[in-house]
PDB file of all heavy atoms in Angstrom:
ATOM      1  N   GLN A   1      90.561  87.478 116.925  1.00  0.00           N
ATOM      2  CA  GLN A   1      91.675  87.953 116.095  1.00  0.00           C
ATOM      3  C   GLN A   1      92.267  86.809 115.265  1.00  0.00           C
ATOM      4  O   GLN A   1      92.679  87.010 114.109  1.00  0.00           O
ATOM      5  CB  GLN A   1      92.763  88.577 116.964  1.00  0.00           C
ATOM      6  CG  GLN A   1      92.334  89.829 117.712  1.00  0.00           C
ATOM      7  CD  GLN A   1      91.556  89.507 118.988  1.00  0.00           C
ATOM      8  OE1 GLN A   1      91.396  88.338 119.380  1.00  0.00           O
ATOM      9  NE2 GLN A   1      91.074  90.557 119.650  1.00  0.00           N
ATOM     10  N   ALA A   2      92.291  85.623 115.830  1.00  0.00           N
ATOM     11  CA  ALA A   2      92.813  84.462 115.118  1.00  0.00           C
ATOM     12  C   ALA A   2      91.973  84.151 113.882  1.00  0.00           C
ATOM     13  O   ALA A   2      92.535  83.801 112.821  1.00  0.00           O
ATOM     14  CB  ALA A   2      92.880  83.252 116.047  1.00  0.00           C
ATOM     15  N   PHE A   3      90.650  84.297 113.988  1.00  0.00           N
ATOM     16  CA  PHE A   3      89.859  84.012 112.818  1.00  0.00           C
ATOM     17  C   PHE A   3      89.761  85.166 111.837  1.00  0.00           C
ATOM     18  O   PHE A   3      89.425  84.945 110.675  1.00  0.00           O
ATOM     19  CB  PHE A   3      88.457  83.503 113.245  1.00  0.00           C
ATOM     20  CG  PHE A   3      88.444  81.984 113.201  1.00  0.00           C
ATOM     21  CD1 PHE A   3      89.110  81.272 114.181  1.00  0.00           C
ATOM     22  CD2 PHE A   3      87.880  81.303 112.144  1.00  0.00           C
ATOM     23  CE1 PHE A   3      89.187  79.894 114.119  1.00  0.00           C
ATOM     24  CE2 PHE A   3      87.971  79.938 112.078  1.00  0.00           C
ATOM     25  CZ  PHE A   3      88.620  79.212 113.060  1.00  0.00           C
ATOM     26  N   ALA A   4      90.163  86.340 112.256  1.00  0.00           N
ATOM     27  CA  ALA A   4      90.430  87.401 111.279  1.00  0.00           C
ATOM     28  C   ALA A   4      91.595  86.980 110.412  1.00  0.00           C
ATOM     29  O   ALA A   4      91.608  87.201 109.179  1.00  0.00           O
ATOM     30  CB  ALA A   4      90.717  88.717 111.982  1.00  0.00           C
ATOM     31  N   VAL A   5      92.614  86.350 111.023  1.00  0.00           N
ATOM     32  CA  VAL A   5      93.767  85.845 110.261  1.00  0.00           C
ATOM     33  C   VAL A   5      93.285  84.739 109.299  1.00  0.00           C
ATOM     34  O   VAL A   5      93.670  84.702 108.126  1.00  0.00           O
ATOM     35  CB  VAL A   5      94.846  85.282 111.195  1.00  0.00           C
ATOM     36  CG1 VAL A   5      95.948  84.565 110.377  1.00  0.00           C
ATOM     37  CG2 VAL A   5      95.447  86.375 112.064  1.00  0.00           C
ATOM     38  N   VAL A   6      92.416  83.856 109.766  1.00  0.00           N
ATOM     39  CA  VAL A   6      91.902  82.760 108.922  1.00  0.00           C
ATOM     40  C   VAL A   6      91.224  83.349 107.676  1.00  0.00           C
ATOM     41  O   VAL A   6      91.507  82.930 106.557  1.00  0.00           O
ATOM     42  CB  VAL A   6      90.924  81.865 109.710  1.00  0.00           C
ATOM     43  CG1 VAL A   6      90.218  80.889 108.781  1.00  0.00           C
ATOM     44  CG2 VAL A   6      91.690  81.090 110.808  1.00  0.00           C
ATOM     45  N   PHE A   7      90.299  84.291 107.889  1.00  0.00           N
ATOM     46  CA  PHE A   7      89.526  84.783 106.739  1.00  0.00           C
ATOM     47  C   PHE A   7      90.402  85.670 105.812  1.00  0.00           C
ATOM     48  O   PHE A   7      90.164  85.722 104.616  1.00  0.00           O
ATOM     49  CB  PHE A   7      88.274  85.504 107.228  1.00  0.00           C
ATOM     50  CG  PHE A   7      87.198  84.557 107.618  1.00  0.00           C
ATOM     51  CD1 PHE A   7      86.869  84.347 108.932  1.00  0.00           C
ATOM     52  CD2 PHE A   7      86.540  83.806 106.638  1.00  0.00           C
ATOM     53  CE1 PHE A   7      85.880  83.441 109.316  1.00  0.00           C
ATOM     54  CE2 PHE A   7      85.560  82.859 107.013  1.00  0.00           C
ATOM     55  CZ  PHE A   7      85.210  82.675 108.337  1.00  0.00           C
ATOM     56  N   ASP A   8      91.400  86.384 106.405  1.00  0.00           N
ATOM     57  CA  ASP A   8      92.317  87.102 105.526  1.00  0.00           C
ATOM     58  C   ASP A   8      93.088  86.124 104.642  1.00  0.00           C
ATOM     59  O   ASP A   8      93.380  86.420 103.463  1.00  0.00           O
ATOM     60  CB  ASP A   8      93.310  87.912 106.388  1.00  0.00           C
ATOM     61  CG  ASP A   8      92.723  89.169 106.976  1.00  0.00           C
ATOM     62  OD1 ASP A   8      91.618  89.557 106.517  1.00  0.00           O
ATOM     63  OD2 ASP A   8      93.337  89.745 107.874  1.00  0.00           O
ATOM     64  N   THR A   9      93.431  84.967 105.203  1.00  0.00           N
ATOM     65  CA  THR A   9      94.164  83.961 104.445  1.00  0.00           C
ATOM     66  C   THR A   9      93.299  83.331 103.381  1.00  0.00           C
ATOM     67  O   THR A   9      93.766  82.989 102.286  1.00  0.00           O
ATOM     68  CB  THR A   9      94.730  82.880 105.413  1.00  0.00           C
ATOM     69  OG1 THR A   9      95.422  83.518 106.481  1.00  0.00           O
ATOM     70  CG2 THR A   9      95.698  81.950 104.706  1.00  0.00           C
ATOM     71  N   VAL A  10      91.996  83.149 103.675  1.00  0.00           N
ATOM     72  CA  VAL A  10      91.083  82.656 102.651  1.00  0.00           C
ATOM     73  C   VAL A  10      91.056  83.652 101.472  1.00  0.00           C
ATOM     74  O   VAL A  10      91.147  83.224 100.287  1.00  0.00           O
ATOM     75  CB  VAL A  10      89.623  82.552 103.257  1.00  0.00           C
ATOM     76  CG1 VAL A  10      88.620  82.310 102.145  1.00  0.00           C
ATOM     77  CG2 VAL A  10      89.584  81.412 104.258  1.00  0.00           C
ATOM     78  N   LYS A  11      90.918  84.919 101.764  1.00  0.00           N
ATOM     79  CA  LYS A  11      90.892  85.944 100.713  1.00  0.00           C
ATOM     80  C   LYS A  11      92.182  85.912  99.884  1.00  0.00           C
ATOM     81  O   LYS A  11      92.165  85.960  98.636  1.00  0.00           O
ATOM     82  CB  LYS A  11      90.681  87.317 101.314  1.00  0.00           C
ATOM     83  CG  LYS A  11      90.585  88.439 100.306  1.00  0.00           C
ATOM     84  CD  LYS A  11      90.320  89.773 100.992  1.00  0.00           C
ATOM     85  CE  LYS A  11      90.258  90.902  99.972  1.00  0.00           C
ATOM     86  NZ  LYS A  11      89.993  92.210 100.625  1.00  0.00           N
ATOM     87  N   ALA A  12      93.303  85.804 100.567  1.00  0.00           N
ATOM     88  CA  ALA A  12      94.602  85.795  99.890  1.00  0.00           C
ATOM     89  C   ALA A  12      94.738  84.577  98.995  1.00  0.00           C
ATOM     90  O   ALA A  12      95.263  84.665  97.824  1.00  0.00           O
ATOM     91  CB  ALA A  12      95.758  85.843 100.913  1.00  0.00           C
ATOM     92  N   ALA A  13      94.279  83.431  99.449  1.00  0.00           N
ATOM     93  CA  ALA A  13      94.371  82.206  98.654  1.00  0.00           C
ATOM     94  C   ALA A  13      93.579  82.335  97.362  1.00  0.00           C
ATOM     95  O   ALA A  13      94.048  81.982  96.257  1.00  0.00           O
ATOM     96  CB  ALA A  13      93.896  81.009  99.463  1.00  0.00           C
ATOM     97  N   ASN A  14      92.345  82.857  97.464  1.00  0.00           N
ATOM     98  CA  ASN A  14      91.505  83.050  96.292  1.00  0.00           C
ATOM     99  C   ASN A  14      92.104  84.045  95.332  1.00  0.00           C
ATOM    100  O   ASN A  14      92.089  83.854  94.113  1.00  0.00           O
ATOM    101  CB  ASN A  14      90.109  83.440  96.715  1.00  0.00           C
ATOM    102  CG  ASN A  14      89.299  82.256  97.272  1.00  0.00           C
ATOM    103  OD1 ASN A  14      89.334  81.167  96.745  1.00  0.00           O
ATOM    104  ND2 ASN A  14      88.550  82.531  98.343  1.00  0.00           N
ATOM    105  N   THR A  15      92.627  85.152  95.871  1.00  0.00           N
ATOM    106  CA  THR A  15      93.197  86.208  94.992  1.00  0.00           C
ATOM    107  C   THR A  15      94.392  85.690  94.247  1.00  0.00           C
ATOM    108  O   THR A  15      94.575  85.881  93.037  1.00  0.00           O
ATOM    109  CB  THR A  15      93.596  87.409  95.837  1.00  0.00           C
ATOM    110  OG1 THR A  15      92.428  87.947  96.489  1.00  0.00           O
ATOM    111  CG2 THR A  15      94.226  88.491  94.998  1.00  0.00           C
ATOM    112  N   LEU A  16      95.263  84.944  94.957  1.00  0.00           N
ATOM    113  CA  LEU A  16      96.465  84.402  94.325  1.00  0.00           C
ATOM    114  C   LEU A  16      96.130  83.378  93.256  1.00  0.00           C
ATOM    115  O   LEU A  16      96.760  83.332  92.183  1.00  0.00           O
ATOM    116  CB  LEU A  16      97.395  83.789  95.370  1.00  0.00           C
ATOM    117  CG  LEU A  16      98.110  84.776  96.303  1.00  0.00           C
ATOM    118  CD1 LEU A  16      98.675  84.099  97.514  1.00  0.00           C
ATOM    119  CD2 LEU A  16      99.259  85.472  95.510  1.00  0.00           C
ATOM    120  N   ALA A  17      95.107  82.552  93.545  1.00  0.00           N
ATOM    121  CA  ALA A  17      94.692  81.565  92.530  1.00  0.00           C
ATOM    122  C   ALA A  17      94.126  82.258  91.303  1.00  0.00           C
ATOM    123  O   ALA A  17      94.415  81.861  90.167  1.00  0.00           O
ATOM    124  CB  ALA A  17      93.636  80.631  93.134  1.00  0.00           C
ATOM    125  N   ASP A  18      93.362  83.325  91.499  1.00  0.00           N
ATOM    126  CA  ASP A  18      92.812  84.091  90.375  1.00  0.00           C
ATOM    127  C   ASP A  18      93.919  84.709  89.521  1.00  0.00           C
ATOM    128  O   ASP A  18      93.786  84.894  88.304  1.00  0.00           O
ATOM    129  CB  ASP A  18      91.836  85.168  90.845  1.00  0.00           C
ATOM    130  CG  ASP A  18      90.552  84.589  91.459  1.00  0.00           C
ATOM    131  OD1 ASP A  18      90.255  83.411  91.183  1.00  0.00           O
ATOM    132  OD2 ASP A  18      89.905  85.333  92.199  1.00  0.00           O
ATOM    133  N   GLN A  19      95.014  85.064  90.189  1.00  0.00           N
ATOM    134  CA  GLN A  19      96.155  85.663  89.493  1.00  0.00           C
ATOM    135  C   GLN A  19      97.088  84.607  88.835  1.00  0.00           C
ATOM    136  O   GLN A  19      98.057  84.996  88.198  1.00  0.00           O
ATOM    137  CB  GLN A  19      96.958  86.529  90.467  1.00  0.00           C
ATOM    138  CG  GLN A  19      96.170  87.755  90.947  1.00  0.00           C
ATOM    139  CD  GLN A  19      96.889  88.468  92.082  1.00  0.00           C
ATOM    140  OE1 GLN A  19      97.846  87.977  92.642  1.00  0.00           O
ATOM    141  NE2 GLN A  19      96.403  89.667  92.423  1.00  0.00           N
ATOM    142  N   GLY A  20      96.788  83.344  89.122  1.00  0.00           N
ATOM    143  CA  GLY A  20      97.564  82.277  88.491  1.00  0.00           C
ATOM    144  C   GLY A  20      98.750  81.785  89.312  1.00  0.00           C
ATOM    145  O   GLY A  20      99.501  80.947  88.872  1.00  0.00           O
ATOM    146  N   ASP A  21      98.924  82.313  90.555  1.00  0.00           N
ATOM    147  CA  ASP A  21     100.033  81.861  91.410  1.00  0.00           C
ATOM    148  C   ASP A  21      99.528  80.692  92.232  1.00  0.00           C
ATOM    149  O   ASP A  21      99.174  80.807  93.415  1.00  0.00           O
ATOM    150  CB  ASP A  21     100.464  83.022  92.324  1.00  0.00           C
ATOM    151  CG  ASP A  21     101.797  82.733  93.011  1.00  0.00           C
ATOM    152  OD1 ASP A  21     102.224  81.533  93.021  1.00  0.00           O
ATOM    153  OD2 ASP A  21     102.398  83.680  93.528  1.00  0.00           O
ATOM    154  N   VAL A  22      99.506  79.538  91.603  1.00  0.00           N
ATOM    155  CA  VAL A  22      98.895  78.322  92.216  1.00  0.00           C
ATOM    156  C   VAL A  22      99.633  77.887  93.446  1.00  0.00           C
ATOM    157  O   VAL A  22      99.025  77.548  94.468  1.00  0.00           O
ATOM    158  CB  VAL A  22      98.810  77.189  91.179  1.00  0.00           C
ATOM    159  CG1 VAL A  22      98.284  75.921  91.829  1.00  0.00           C
ATOM    160  CG2 VAL A  22      97.919  77.605  89.998  1.00  0.00           C
ATOM    161  N   ALA A  23     100.963  77.877  93.408  1.00  0.00           N
ATOM    162  CA  ALA A  23     101.743  77.375  94.527  1.00  0.00           C
ATOM    163  C   ALA A  23     101.489  78.216  95.791  1.00  0.00           C
ATOM    164  O   ALA A  23     101.270  77.691  96.890  1.00  0.00           O
ATOM    165  CB  ALA A  23     103.240  77.361  94.204  1.00  0.00           C
ATOM    166  N   ALA A  24     101.514  79.550  95.656  1.00  0.00           N
ATOM    167  CA  ALA A  24     101.271  80.441  96.800  1.00  0.00           C
ATOM    168  C   ALA A  24      99.866  80.298  97.314  1.00  0.00           C
ATOM    169  O   ALA A  24      99.596  80.308  98.522  1.00  0.00           O
ATOM    170  CB  ALA A  24     101.562  81.871  96.462  1.00  0.00           C
ATOM    171  N   ALA A  25      98.914  80.137  96.366  1.00  0.00           N
ATOM    172  CA  ALA A  25      97.517  79.968  96.780  1.00  0.00           C
ATOM    173  C   ALA A  25      97.330  78.674  97.569  1.00  0.00           C
ATOM    174  O   ALA A  25      96.630  78.644  98.550  1.00  0.00           O
ATOM    175  CB  ALA A  25      96.614  79.979  95.536  1.00  0.00           C
ATOM    176  N   MET A  26      97.973  77.607  97.092  1.00  0.00           N
ATOM    177  CA  MET A  26      97.823  76.317  97.782  1.00  0.00           C
ATOM    178  C   MET A  26      98.443  76.363  99.195  1.00  0.00           C
ATOM    179  O   MET A  26      97.880  75.795 100.140  1.00  0.00           O
ATOM    180  CB  MET A  26      98.533  75.224  96.970  1.00  0.00           C
ATOM    181  CG  MET A  26      97.816  74.846  95.681  1.00  0.00           C
ATOM    182  SD  MET A  26      96.326  73.854  95.996  1.00  0.00           S
ATOM    183  CE  MET A  26      97.106  72.250  96.315  1.00  0.00           C
ATOM    184  N   ALA A  27      99.545  77.095  99.349  1.00  0.00           N
ATOM    185  CA  ALA A  27     100.161  77.187 100.689  1.00  0.00           C
ATOM    186  C   ALA A  27      99.222  77.919 101.658  1.00  0.00           C
ATOM    187  O   ALA A  27      99.138  77.535 102.822  1.00  0.00           O
ATOM    188  CB  ALA A  27     101.487  77.940 100.560  1.00  0.00           C
ATOM    189  N   ARG A  28      98.557  78.950 101.160  1.00  0.00           N
ATOM    190  CA  ARG A  28      97.632  79.665 102.030  1.00  0.00           C
ATOM    191  C   ARG A  28      96.376  78.853 102.314  1.00  0.00           C
ATOM    192  O   ARG A  28      95.860  78.869 103.428  1.00  0.00           O
ATOM    193  CB  ARG A  28      97.299  81.033 101.423  1.00  0.00           C
ATOM    194  CG  ARG A  28      98.438  82.031 101.629  1.00  0.00           C
ATOM    195  CD  ARG A  28      98.366  83.216 100.703  1.00  0.00           C
ATOM    196  NE  ARG A  28      99.438  84.149 101.009  1.00  0.00           N
ATOM    197  CZ  ARG A  28     100.701  84.006 100.641  1.00  0.00           C
ATOM    198  NH1 ARG A  28     101.056  82.953  99.919  1.00  0.00           N
ATOM    199  NH2 ARG A  28     101.627  84.925 100.924  1.00  0.00           N
ATOM    200  N   ALA A  29      95.903  78.112 101.323  1.00  0.00           N
ATOM    201  CA  ALA A  29      94.765  77.253 101.563  1.00  0.00           C
ATOM    202  C   ALA A  29      95.115  76.168 102.573  1.00  0.00           C
ATOM    203  O   ALA A  29      94.310  75.837 103.462  1.00  0.00           O
ATOM    204  CB  ALA A  29      94.287  76.622 100.249  1.00  0.00           C
ATOM    205  N   ALA A  30      96.322  75.635 102.487  1.00  0.00           N
ATOM    206  CA  ALA A  30      96.779  74.621 103.436  1.00  0.00           C
ATOM    207  C   ALA A  30      96.810  75.214 104.851  1.00  0.00           C
ATOM    208  O   ALA A  30      96.504  74.526 105.849  1.00  0.00           O
ATOM    209  CB  ALA A  30      98.137  74.087 103.053  1.00  0.00           C
ATOM    210  N   ALA A  31      97.210  76.490 104.947  1.00  0.00           N
ATOM    211  CA  ALA A  31      97.221  77.141 106.278  1.00  0.00           C
ATOM    212  C   ALA A  31      95.829  77.280 106.826  1.00  0.00           C
ATOM    213  O   ALA A  31      95.597  77.099 108.022  1.00  0.00           O
ATOM    214  CB  ALA A  31      97.877  78.533 106.136  1.00  0.00           C
ATOM    215  N   VAL A  32      94.840  77.550 105.972  1.00  0.00           N
ATOM    216  CA  VAL A  32      93.456  77.628 106.444  1.00  0.00           C
ATOM    217  C   VAL A  32      93.008  76.283 106.981  1.00  0.00           C
ATOM    218  O   VAL A  32      92.402  76.195 108.053  1.00  0.00           O
ATOM    219  CB  VAL A  32      92.534  78.096 105.287  1.00  0.00           C
ATOM    220  CG1 VAL A  32      91.045  78.016 105.717  1.00  0.00           C
ATOM    221  CG2 VAL A  32      92.868  79.517 104.887  1.00  0.00           C
ATOM    222  N   PHE A  33      93.297  75.219 106.232  1.00  0.00           N
ATOM    223  CA  PHE A  33      92.928  73.895 106.713  1.00  0.00           C
ATOM    224  C   PHE A  33      93.562  73.624 108.081  1.00  0.00           C
ATOM    225  O   PHE A  33      92.932  73.124 109.038  1.00  0.00           O
ATOM    226  CB  PHE A  33      93.389  72.797 105.741  1.00  0.00           C
ATOM    227  CG  PHE A  33      92.462  72.560 104.579  1.00  0.00           C
ATOM    228  CD1 PHE A  33      92.878  72.886 103.295  1.00  0.00           C
ATOM    229  CD2 PHE A  33      91.225  72.005 104.759  1.00  0.00           C
ATOM    230  CE1 PHE A  33      92.035  72.683 102.236  1.00  0.00           C
ATOM    231  CE2 PHE A  33      90.358  71.791 103.703  1.00  0.00           C
ATOM    232  CZ  PHE A  33      90.758  72.134 102.409  1.00  0.00           C
ATOM    233  N   GLU A  34      94.838  74.010 108.215  1.00  0.00           N
ATOM    234  CA  GLU A  34      95.568  73.737 109.473  1.00  0.00           C
ATOM    235  C   GLU A  34      95.018  74.540 110.643  1.00  0.00           C
ATOM    236  O   GLU A  34      94.865  74.047 111.763  1.00  0.00           O
ATOM    237  CB  GLU A  34      97.047  74.039 109.256  1.00  0.00           C
ATOM    238  CG  GLU A  34      97.958  73.577 110.393  1.00  0.00           C
ATOM    239  CD  GLU A  34      98.003  72.062 110.541  1.00  0.00           C
ATOM    240  OE1 GLU A  34      97.576  71.343 109.605  1.00  0.00           O
ATOM    241  OE2 GLU A  34      98.477  71.611 111.581  1.00  0.00           O
ATOM    242  N   MET A  35      94.726  75.827 110.419  1.00  0.00           N
ATOM    243  CA  MET A  35      94.201  76.673 111.478  1.00  0.00           C
ATOM    244  C   MET A  35      92.805  76.175 111.942  1.00  0.00           C
ATOM    245  O   MET A  35      92.502  76.180 113.129  1.00  0.00           O
ATOM    246  CB  MET A  35      94.180  78.128 111.031  1.00  0.00           C
ATOM    247  CG  MET A  35      95.554  78.710 110.849  1.00  0.00           C
ATOM    248  SD  MET A  35      95.569  80.477 110.395  1.00  0.00           S
ATOM    249  CE  MET A  35      95.103  80.431 108.675  1.00  0.00           C
ATOM    250  N   CYS A  36      91.984  75.761 110.986  1.00  0.00           N
ATOM    251  CA  CYS A  36      90.667  75.266 111.349  1.00  0.00           C
ATOM    252  C   CYS A  36      90.796  73.943 112.116  1.00  0.00           C
ATOM    253  O   CYS A  36      90.069  73.676 113.088  1.00  0.00           O
ATOM    254  CB  CYS A  36      89.803  75.106 110.123  1.00  0.00           C
ATOM    255  SG  CYS A  36      89.283  76.670 109.379  1.00  0.00           S
ATOM    256  N   ARG A  37      91.732  73.107 111.697  1.00  0.00           N
ATOM    257  CA  ARG A  37      91.947  71.836 112.392  1.00  0.00           C
ATOM    258  C   ARG A  37      92.369  72.096 113.849  1.00  0.00           C
ATOM    259  O   ARG A  37      91.976  71.322 114.741  1.00  0.00           O
ATOM    260  CB  ARG A  37      93.015  71.013 111.683  1.00  0.00           C
ATOM    261  CG  ARG A  37      93.224  69.629 112.238  1.00  0.00           C
ATOM    262  CD  ARG A  37      94.232  68.830 111.403  1.00  0.00           C
ATOM    263  NE  ARG A  37      95.590  69.324 111.548  1.00  0.00           N
ATOM    264  CZ  ARG A  37      96.370  68.978 112.538  1.00  0.00           C
ATOM    265  NH1 ARG A  37      95.961  68.168 113.513  1.00  0.00           N
ATOM    266  NH2 ARG A  37      97.599  69.445 112.606  1.00  0.00           N
ATOM    267  N   ALA A  38      93.130  73.126 114.080  1.00  0.00           N
ATOM    268  CA  ALA A  38      93.633  73.435 115.427  1.00  0.00           C
ATOM    269  C   ALA A  38      92.536  73.654 116.440  1.00  0.00           C
ATOM    270  O   ALA A  38      92.699  73.447 117.628  1.00  0.00           O
ATOM    271  CB  ALA A  38      94.534  74.642 115.389  1.00  0.00           C
TER     272      ALA A  38
END
C-alpha cells in the first residue's frame, strides 16, 4: 500500500508539471525521493 502511494505521487508530480504547476510538482517529486530513501 505504501508503494501505491509512491506511484500515485509520481503520477501527480508529472501531471502537475504538465499543467505548469511547477512548485506543486516539485513538492510531490521531493516526496517520492523521500519515500524511496526511507
